[in-house]
Amino acid sequence: MKNLNVFAGAFVDRSGHRRNDPDWIRDMLGCSEARFAPVWRNQCLIDGNPPRAALLRHSKIDSLLKRDESIFLGIFGNKPAFAFEVDSPDPPLEHDGEFHDLRYLGTILPVDQANLLAHAIALINWHRLQKHCGICGAPTIAESGGNTRRCASDDCANPIFPRVDPAIIVLVSQGSRCLLGRQDSWPEKRYSTIAGFVEPGESLEDAVRREVGEETNIDVGDVHYHSSQPWPFPSSLMLGFTADARSREIRLNDGELGDARWFTRKELRSGFPKLPFQLSLARRLIDGWLEMG
């Protein structure tokens, strides 16, 4: 578990072979062991000290739950787990916890609960954007326990599956220095690794070389896969790499970064620049490089 990135890990039995059975989903939804993760304004319900995910019983959420919009996440801790979105101007369930942004709780929650809630947030965001068919424009309906949608028009019946956007994130180094950049919108003095979305018809290694070249003008040689991290804000899969630089002169070609620099390990340990949050794959890439020297 120590080597897992935050939000990653196969902690949930997603029961893909069972969730296409509406009768089975109905039984899971109605059983006394079912637990529910409410999401309000993209925030998750948290309770306790230290914080834990508030996974509630039927009796707590029956007045809020629209059964045809509940999302089956899988079997978690031997209990069927569901997520649902609460449409309310004010935070609901005030006696059962508080709603918080998962991005700031990822390293505080137990790793299995962080994984479960990331799954919930990702699917709820996807459902919110798929209310109409992209082919004919008709309304869509949820199927497979909320893990797919289908066009409601009998003439179309287009199946729609959750999408994940692959994005590379890379720690580029040359000898005793590594390359970090910052966007102008970020908190003052914060720098991070280079990142960007993979384009159609592009391999991951090609995406690494293109993004680094576009953003910093640095020519990249060898590229090495590190690890991946689901990032449900809203639907990315971060694919982490390390890479060797074959050039040194930085030029901000596409204007996406406000600054980019080479940093030594001593500089990174000094407190400047400010580094990414601990929960991020970017931070794990940087920390791994620091441990090497």
Protein backbone atom coordinates (compact mmCIF):
# COMPACT_ATOMS: atom_id res chain seq x y z
CA MET A 1 0.00 0.00 0.00
CA LYS A 2 2.91 2.35 0.66
CA ASN A 3 3.74 2.59 -3.06
CA LEU A 4 0.23 3.51 -4.18
CA ASN A 5 -0.52 6.97 -5.45
CA VAL A 6 -3.38 8.75 -3.69
CA PHE A 7 -6.80 7.72 -5.09
CA ALA A 8 -5.31 4.55 -6.64
CA GLY A 9 -5.77 0.94 -5.52
CA ALA A 10 -8.12 -1.94 -6.24
CA PHE A 11 -10.03 -1.70 -2.96
CA VAL A 12 -13.50 -2.11 -4.48
CA ASP A 13 -14.93 -5.20 -6.15
CA ARG A 14 -16.67 -3.41 -9.01
CA SER A 15 -18.65 -6.57 -9.88
CA GLY A 16 -18.67 -5.73 -13.57
CA HIS A 17 -20.22 -9.10 -14.43
CA ARG A 18 -23.18 -8.45 -12.09
CA ARG A 19 -24.00 -4.77 -12.52
CA ASN A 20 -25.67 -5.39 -15.91
CA ASP A 21 -28.37 -7.36 -14.07
CA PRO A 22 -31.04 -4.82 -13.01
CA ASP A 23 -32.63 -7.27 -10.56
CA TRP A 24 -29.31 -7.81 -8.79
CA ILE A 25 -28.67 -4.05 -8.64
CA ARG A 26 -32.15 -3.56 -7.22
CA ASP A 27 -31.48 -6.16 -4.54
CA MET A 28 -28.15 -4.52 -3.64
CA LEU A 29 -29.77 -1.09 -3.50
CA GLY A 30 -32.51 -2.30 -1.18
CA CYS A 31 -30.53 -4.51 1.16
CA SER A 32 -29.93 -3.44 4.76
CA GLU A 33 -26.15 -3.65 4.34
CA ALA A 34 -26.02 -1.07 1.53
CA ARG A 35 -23.97 2.07 2.20
CA PHE A 36 -24.27 5.42 0.43
CA ALA A 37 -21.73 8.16 -0.28
CA PRO A 38 -23.54 11.48 -0.82
CA VAL A 39 -21.89 14.13 -2.99
CA TRP A 40 -22.91 17.78 -2.76
CA ARG A 41 -21.36 20.40 -5.08
CA ASN A 42 -18.50 18.03 -5.87
CA GLN A 43 -17.75 17.61 -2.17
CA CYS A 44 -17.86 14.42 -0.12
CA LEU A 45 -19.38 13.88 3.31
CA ILE A 46 -16.70 13.40 5.97
CA ASP A 47 -17.04 12.66 9.67
CA GLY A 48 -14.83 11.88 12.66
CA ASN A 49 -11.38 12.79 13.93
CA PRO A 50 -9.28 11.69 12.17
CA PRO A 51 -11.60 12.21 9.20
CA ARG A 52 -13.31 9.27 7.55
CA ALA A 53 -15.80 8.94 4.72
CA ALA A 54 -19.38 9.07 5.99
CA LEU A 55 -20.97 6.04 4.32
CA LEU A 56 -24.60 6.17 5.36
CA ARG A 57 -27.40 3.65 5.77
CA HIS A 58 -30.77 3.83 4.01
CA SER A 59 -32.46 5.41 7.01
CA LYS A 60 -30.21 8.47 6.75
CA ILE A 61 -30.66 9.21 3.06
CA ASP A 62 -34.04 7.85 1.91
CA SER A 63 -35.55 11.34 1.58
CA LEU A 64 -32.63 12.50 -0.59
CA LEU A 65 -32.02 9.43 -2.75
CA LYS A 66 -33.42 9.15 -6.27
CA ARG A 67 -33.04 5.43 -6.79
CA ASP A 68 -32.84 5.59 -10.58
CA GLU A 69 -29.90 8.03 -10.25
CA SER A 70 -27.89 6.13 -7.64
CA ILE A 71 -24.53 4.81 -8.84
CA PHE A 72 -23.29 1.37 -7.89
CA LEU A 73 -19.60 1.65 -7.01
CA GLY A 74 -19.07 -1.99 -6.06
CA ILE A 75 -18.67 -4.17 -3.00
CA PHE A 76 -16.66 -2.26 -0.40
CA GLY A 77 -15.88 -3.84 2.95
CA ASN A 78 -18.28 -6.69 2.09
CA LYS A 79 -21.13 -4.21 1.65
CA PRO A 80 -22.67 -2.82 -1.55
CA ALA A 81 -21.61 0.80 -1.93
CA PHE A 82 -23.47 3.47 -3.89
CA ALA A 83 -22.93 7.15 -4.63
CA PHE A 84 -25.55 9.78 -5.32
CA GLU A 85 -25.60 13.51 -5.92
CA VAL A 86 -27.61 15.80 -3.67
CA ASP A 87 -29.17 18.79 -5.42
CA SER A 88 -29.66 21.26 -2.60
CA PRO A 89 -28.81 24.95 -2.10
CA ASP A 90 -27.57 24.24 1.42
CA PRO A 91 -25.38 21.41 2.73
CA PRO A 92 -27.62 18.46 3.68
CA LEU A 93 -27.04 15.82 6.37
CA GLU A 94 -25.55 18.33 8.80
CA HIS A 95 -25.90 15.88 11.69
CA ASP A 96 -23.89 13.21 9.89
CA GLY A 97 -20.75 15.12 8.95
CA GLU A 98 -19.43 17.97 6.83
CA PHE A 99 -18.87 18.22 3.09
CA HIS A 100 -15.29 18.82 1.97
CA ASP A 101 -13.29 18.94 -1.25
CA LEU A 102 -11.65 15.57 -1.84
CA ARG A 103 -8.51 17.20 -3.28
CA TYR A 104 -7.60 18.43 0.18
CA LEU A 105 -8.51 15.21 1.98
CA GLY A 106 -6.72 12.65 -0.16
CA THR A 107 -3.74 12.22 2.14
CA ILE A 108 -5.85 12.37 5.33
CA LEU A 109 -8.50 9.76 4.59
CA PRO A 110 -7.75 6.04 4.75
CA VAL A 111 -6.41 5.02 1.35
CA ASP A 112 -9.32 2.71 0.55
CA GLN A 113 -11.89 5.40 1.33
CA ALA A 114 -10.03 8.00 -0.73
CA ASN A 115 -10.12 5.53 -3.62
CA LEU A 116 -13.86 4.90 -3.20
CA LEU A 117 -14.73 8.60 -3.06
CA ALA A 118 -12.57 9.41 -6.09
CA HIS A 119 -14.56 6.76 -7.98
CA ALA A 120 -17.81 8.39 -6.82
CA ILE A 121 -16.77 11.92 -7.81
CA ALA A 122 -15.60 10.79 -11.25
CA LEU A 123 -18.86 9.02 -12.09
CA ILE A 124 -21.08 11.80 -10.77
CA ASN A 125 -19.20 14.36 -12.87
CA TRP A 126 -19.57 12.13 -15.91
CA HIS A 127 -23.32 11.69 -15.43
CA ARG A 128 -23.78 15.42 -15.09
CA LEU A 129 -22.31 15.95 -18.58
CA GLN A 130 -24.13 13.12 -20.35
CA LYS A 131 -27.80 14.05 -20.01
CA HIS A 132 -28.27 14.09 -23.79
CA CYS A 133 -27.10 11.84 -26.59
CA GLY A 134 -24.17 13.18 -28.59
CA ILE A 135 -25.54 11.59 -31.77
CA CYS A 136 -29.22 12.53 -31.88
CA GLY A 137 -29.65 14.91 -28.91
CA ALA A 138 -32.32 12.84 -27.17
CA PRO A 139 -32.26 12.44 -23.38
CA THR A 140 -30.17 9.60 -21.95
CA ILE A 141 -30.92 7.18 -19.13
CA ALA A 142 -28.60 5.45 -16.67
CA GLU A 143 -27.94 1.72 -16.97
CA SER A 144 -25.68 -0.91 -15.38
CA GLY A 145 -26.17 0.54 -11.94
CA GLY A 146 -25.13 3.98 -13.18
CA ASN A 147 -21.93 2.75 -14.81
CA THR A 148 -23.19 3.43 -18.35
CA ARG A 149 -25.89 5.53 -20.02
CA ARG A 150 -28.02 4.91 -23.10
CA CYS A 151 -29.87 7.14 -25.49
CA ALA A 152 -33.58 6.91 -24.65
CA SER A 153 -34.59 7.13 -28.32
CA ASP A 154 -35.48 3.69 -29.69
CA ASP A 155 -34.24 4.79 -33.11
CA CYS A 156 -30.81 5.57 -31.72
CA ALA A 157 -30.24 3.68 -28.44
CA ASN A 158 -26.61 4.79 -28.48
CA PRO A 159 -24.65 3.32 -25.51
CA ILE A 160 -22.45 5.82 -23.67
CA PHE A 161 -19.54 4.80 -21.48
CA PRO A 162 -17.59 6.86 -18.93
CA ARG A 163 -14.56 8.50 -20.50
CA VAL A 164 -11.16 9.05 -18.99
CA ASP A 165 -8.77 11.62 -20.42
CA PRO A 166 -5.13 10.44 -20.40
CA ALA A 167 -2.62 13.08 -19.37
CA ILE A 168 1.15 12.73 -19.06
CA ILE A 169 3.08 14.25 -16.18
CA VAL A 170 6.87 14.14 -16.27
CA LEU A 171 9.89 14.98 -14.15
CA VAL A 172 12.61 16.00 -16.61
CA SER A 173 16.17 16.01 -15.29
CA GLN A 174 19.70 16.56 -16.49
CA GLY A 175 22.45 15.58 -14.09
CA SER A 176 21.95 17.38 -10.78
CA ARG A 177 19.07 19.59 -11.96
CA CYS A 178 15.40 19.04 -12.71
CA LEU A 179 12.98 21.07 -14.77
CA LEU A 180 9.92 22.65 -13.14
CA GLY A 181 7.44 25.24 -14.37
CA ARG A 182 4.57 27.33 -13.09
CA GLN A 183 1.39 28.85 -14.44
CA ASP A 184 0.61 32.46 -13.59
CA SER A 185 -2.67 31.44 -11.97
CA TRP A 186 -0.96 29.21 -9.38
CA PRO A 187 -0.17 30.29 -5.81
CA GLU A 188 2.90 32.48 -5.59
CA LYS A 189 6.26 30.67 -5.84
CA ARG A 190 4.71 27.26 -6.60
CA TYR A 191 6.40 25.17 -9.30
CA SER A 192 5.56 21.71 -10.57
CA THR A 193 6.40 19.11 -13.17
CA ILE A 194 5.44 19.45 -16.83
CA ALA A 195 2.06 17.98 -17.75
CA GLY A 196 -0.45 17.89 -20.57
CA PHE A 197 -3.15 15.85 -22.27
CA VAL A 198 -2.38 13.11 -24.75
CA GLU A 199 -3.59 13.96 -28.28
CA PRO A 200 -5.31 11.59 -30.76
CA GLY A 201 -2.90 9.33 -32.61
CA GLU A 202 -0.12 9.94 -30.09
CA SER A 203 1.81 7.49 -27.92
CA LEU A 204 2.49 8.37 -24.30
CA GLU A 205 6.22 8.75 -24.97
CA ASP A 206 5.51 11.06 -27.92
CA ALA A 207 3.16 13.10 -25.72
CA VAL A 208 5.92 13.53 -23.13
CA ARG A 209 8.37 14.81 -25.72
CA ARG A 210 5.81 17.09 -27.40
CA GLU A 211 4.51 18.66 -24.19
CA VAL A 212 7.97 19.33 -22.79
CA GLY A 213 9.09 20.81 -26.10
CA GLU A 214 5.98 22.97 -26.51
CA GLU A 215 6.07 24.34 -22.99
CA THR A 216 9.81 24.71 -22.33
CA ASN A 217 11.71 24.07 -25.60
CA ILE A 218 13.67 21.28 -23.90
CA ASP A 219 14.55 18.30 -26.08
CA VAL A 220 13.76 15.01 -24.29
CA GLY A 221 15.63 11.76 -24.84
CA ASP A 222 14.86 8.60 -22.88
CA VAL A 223 11.41 8.41 -21.29
CA HIS A 224 10.67 6.02 -18.40
CA TYR A 225 7.25 5.09 -17.03
CA HIS A 226 6.84 5.65 -13.27
CA SER A 227 3.20 5.11 -12.16
CA SER A 228 -0.35 6.34 -12.70
CA GLN A 229 -2.95 8.17 -10.66
CA PRO A 230 -6.70 8.52 -11.21
CA TRP A 231 -7.52 12.22 -10.97
CA PRO A 232 -11.30 12.71 -10.89
CA PHE A 233 -11.30 16.51 -11.27
CA PRO A 234 -13.10 15.91 -13.54
CA SER A 235 -11.95 12.78 -15.41
CA SER A 236 -8.22 12.44 -15.96
CA LEU A 237 -5.79 9.57 -15.64
CA MET A 238 -2.36 10.97 -14.83
CA LEU A 239 0.43 8.88 -16.35
CA GLY A 240 3.71 9.63 -14.63
CA PHE A 241 7.12 9.52 -16.26
CA THR A 242 10.71 10.53 -15.71
CA ALA A 243 12.76 11.72 -18.68
CA ASP A 244 16.29 12.74 -19.58
CA ALA A 245 16.88 16.17 -21.09
CA ARG A 246 19.15 16.50 -24.15
CA SER A 247 19.19 20.31 -24.13
CA ARG A 248 19.39 23.05 -21.52
CA GLU A 249 18.04 26.34 -22.89
CA ILE A 250 14.49 27.08 -21.78
CA ARG A 251 12.08 28.97 -23.99
CA LEU A 252 8.34 29.25 -23.24
CA ASN A 253 7.07 28.35 -26.68
CA ASP A 254 3.31 28.08 -26.25
CA GLY A 255 2.75 30.59 -23.44
CA GLU A 256 1.05 28.03 -21.19
CA LEU A 257 3.67 28.49 -18.47
CA GLY A 258 4.54 31.80 -16.89
CA ASP A 259 7.99 30.55 -15.94
CA ALA A 260 10.17 27.44 -16.08
CA ARG A 261 13.55 26.85 -14.46
CA TRP A 262 16.18 24.26 -13.64
CA PHE A 263 16.42 23.52 -9.91
CA THR A 264 19.04 21.68 -7.90
CA ARG A 265 18.15 19.32 -5.05
CA LYS A 266 19.56 21.85 -2.60
CA GLU A 267 17.23 24.53 -3.93
CA LEU A 268 14.18 22.27 -3.74
CA ARG A 269 14.99 21.39 -0.13
CA SER A 270 15.44 25.04 0.82
CA GLY A 271 11.75 25.94 0.73
CA PHE A 272 11.82 27.65 -2.66
CA PRO A 273 10.11 26.84 -4.84
CA LYS A 274 6.92 25.70 -3.16
CA LEU A 275 6.23 22.17 -4.32
CA PRO A 276 2.93 20.51 -5.32
CA PHE A 277 0.61 19.03 -2.72
CA GLN A 278 1.63 15.71 -1.17
CA LEU A 279 -1.32 13.87 -2.71
CA SER A 280 -0.25 14.61 -6.28
CA LEU A 281 1.72 12.37 -8.60
CA ALA A 282 3.80 15.46 -9.43
CA ARG A 283 5.00 15.59 -5.83
CA ARG A 284 5.79 11.89 -5.80
CA LEU A 285 7.92 12.29 -8.94
CA ILE A 286 9.82 15.19 -7.37
CA ASP A 287 10.29 13.41 -4.04
CA GLY A 288 11.58 10.33 -5.86
CA TRP A 289 14.17 12.44 -7.66
CA LEU A 290 15.22 14.10 -4.40
CA GLU A 291 15.78 10.71 -2.79
CA MET A 292 18.23 9.79 -5.52
CA GLY A 293 20.85 12.33 -4.45
